[in-house]
Amino acid sequence: MSRIDLNVQAPDFTLNDFNGKSVSLSSYLNKKNVMLVFNRGFI
């Protein structure tokens, strides 16, 4: 998995939601309350 530096704008990406609709990170630009959580699991 590639690493992203701190304090750098996140790259835009697109994923499908639970209904199969495409949603991109850029669609949330200038909106409040977006939280991304990436869990790598517990070792």
C-alpha atoms as a PDB file:
ATOM      1  CA  MET A   1       0.000   0.000   0.000  1.00  0.00           C
ATOM      2  CA  SER A   2       1.420   3.393  -0.937  1.00  0.00           C
ATOM      3  CA  ARG A   3       1.926   5.946   1.808  1.00  0.00           C
ATOM      4  CA  ILE A   4       0.456   9.468   1.845  1.00  0.00           C
ATOM      5  CA  ASP A   5       2.325  12.295   3.591  1.00  0.00           C
ATOM      6  CA  LEU A   6       0.728  14.312   6.384  1.00  0.00           C
ATOM      7  CA  ASN A   7      -0.660  17.810   5.680  1.00  0.00           C
ATOM      8  CA  VAL A   8      -1.035  17.102   1.967  1.00  0.00           C
ATOM      9  CA  GLN A   9      -4.345  17.227   0.125  1.00  0.00           C
ATOM     10  CA  ALA A  10      -5.782  13.737  -0.333  1.00  0.00           C
ATOM     11  CA  PRO A  11      -5.831  12.418  -3.888  1.00  0.00           C
ATOM     12  CA  ASP A  12      -9.259  12.216  -5.496  1.00  0.00           C
ATOM     13  CA  PHE A  13     -10.760   8.731  -5.766  1.00  0.00           C
ATOM     14  CA  THR A  14     -14.113   7.184  -6.640  1.00  0.00           C
ATOM     15  CA  LEU A  15     -15.822   4.233  -4.952  1.00  0.00           C
ATOM     16  CA  ASN A  16     -19.255   2.666  -5.167  1.00  0.00           C
ATOM     17  CA  ASP A  17     -21.679   3.113  -2.261  1.00  0.00           C
ATOM     18  CA  PHE A  18     -23.972   0.366  -0.936  1.00  0.00           C
ATOM     19  CA  ASN A  19     -26.440   1.040  -3.765  1.00  0.00           C
ATOM     20  CA  GLY A  20     -23.791   0.787  -6.495  1.00  0.00           C
ATOM     21  CA  LYS A  21     -23.736   4.558  -7.121  1.00  0.00           C
ATOM     22  CA  SER A  22     -20.299   6.079  -7.783  1.00  0.00           C
ATOM     23  CA  VAL A  23     -19.170   8.569  -5.147  1.00  0.00           C
ATOM     24  CA  SER A  24     -15.936  10.549  -5.377  1.00  0.00           C
ATOM     25  CA  LEU A  25     -14.006  12.379  -2.704  1.00  0.00           C
ATOM     26  CA  SER A  26     -14.111  15.581  -4.769  1.00  0.00           C
ATOM     27  CA  SER A  27     -17.924  15.611  -4.530  1.00  0.00           C
ATOM     28  CA  TYR A  28     -17.472  16.514  -0.851  1.00  0.00           C
ATOM     29  CA  LEU A  29     -15.237  19.526  -1.559  1.00  0.00           C
ATOM     30  CA  ASN A  30     -16.328  22.619   0.461  1.00  0.00           C
ATOM     31  CA  LYS A  31     -18.768  20.560   2.539  1.00  0.00           C
ATOM     32  CA  LYS A  32     -18.482  20.044   6.278  1.00  0.00           C
ATOM     33  CA  ASN A  33     -18.199  16.918   8.416  1.00  0.00           C
ATOM     34  CA  VAL A  34     -16.442  14.370   6.264  1.00  0.00           C
ATOM     35  CA  MET A  35     -14.540  11.749   8.214  1.00  0.00           C
ATOM     36  CA  LEU A  36     -12.499   8.985   6.633  1.00  0.00           C
ATOM     37  CA  VAL A  37     -11.409   6.031   8.736  1.00  0.00           C
ATOM     38  CA  PHE A  38      -8.914   3.522   7.436  1.00  0.00           C
ATOM     39  CA  ASN A  39      -8.439   0.512   9.686  1.00  0.00           C
ATOM     40  CA  ARG A  40      -5.437  -1.662   8.968  1.00  0.00           C
ATOM     41  CA  GLY A  41      -6.508  -4.185  11.599  1.00  0.00           C
ATOM     42  CA  PHE A  42      -4.908  -5.232  14.813  1.00  0.00           C
ATOM     43  CA  ILE A  43      -1.663  -7.150  15.030  1.00  0.00           C
END
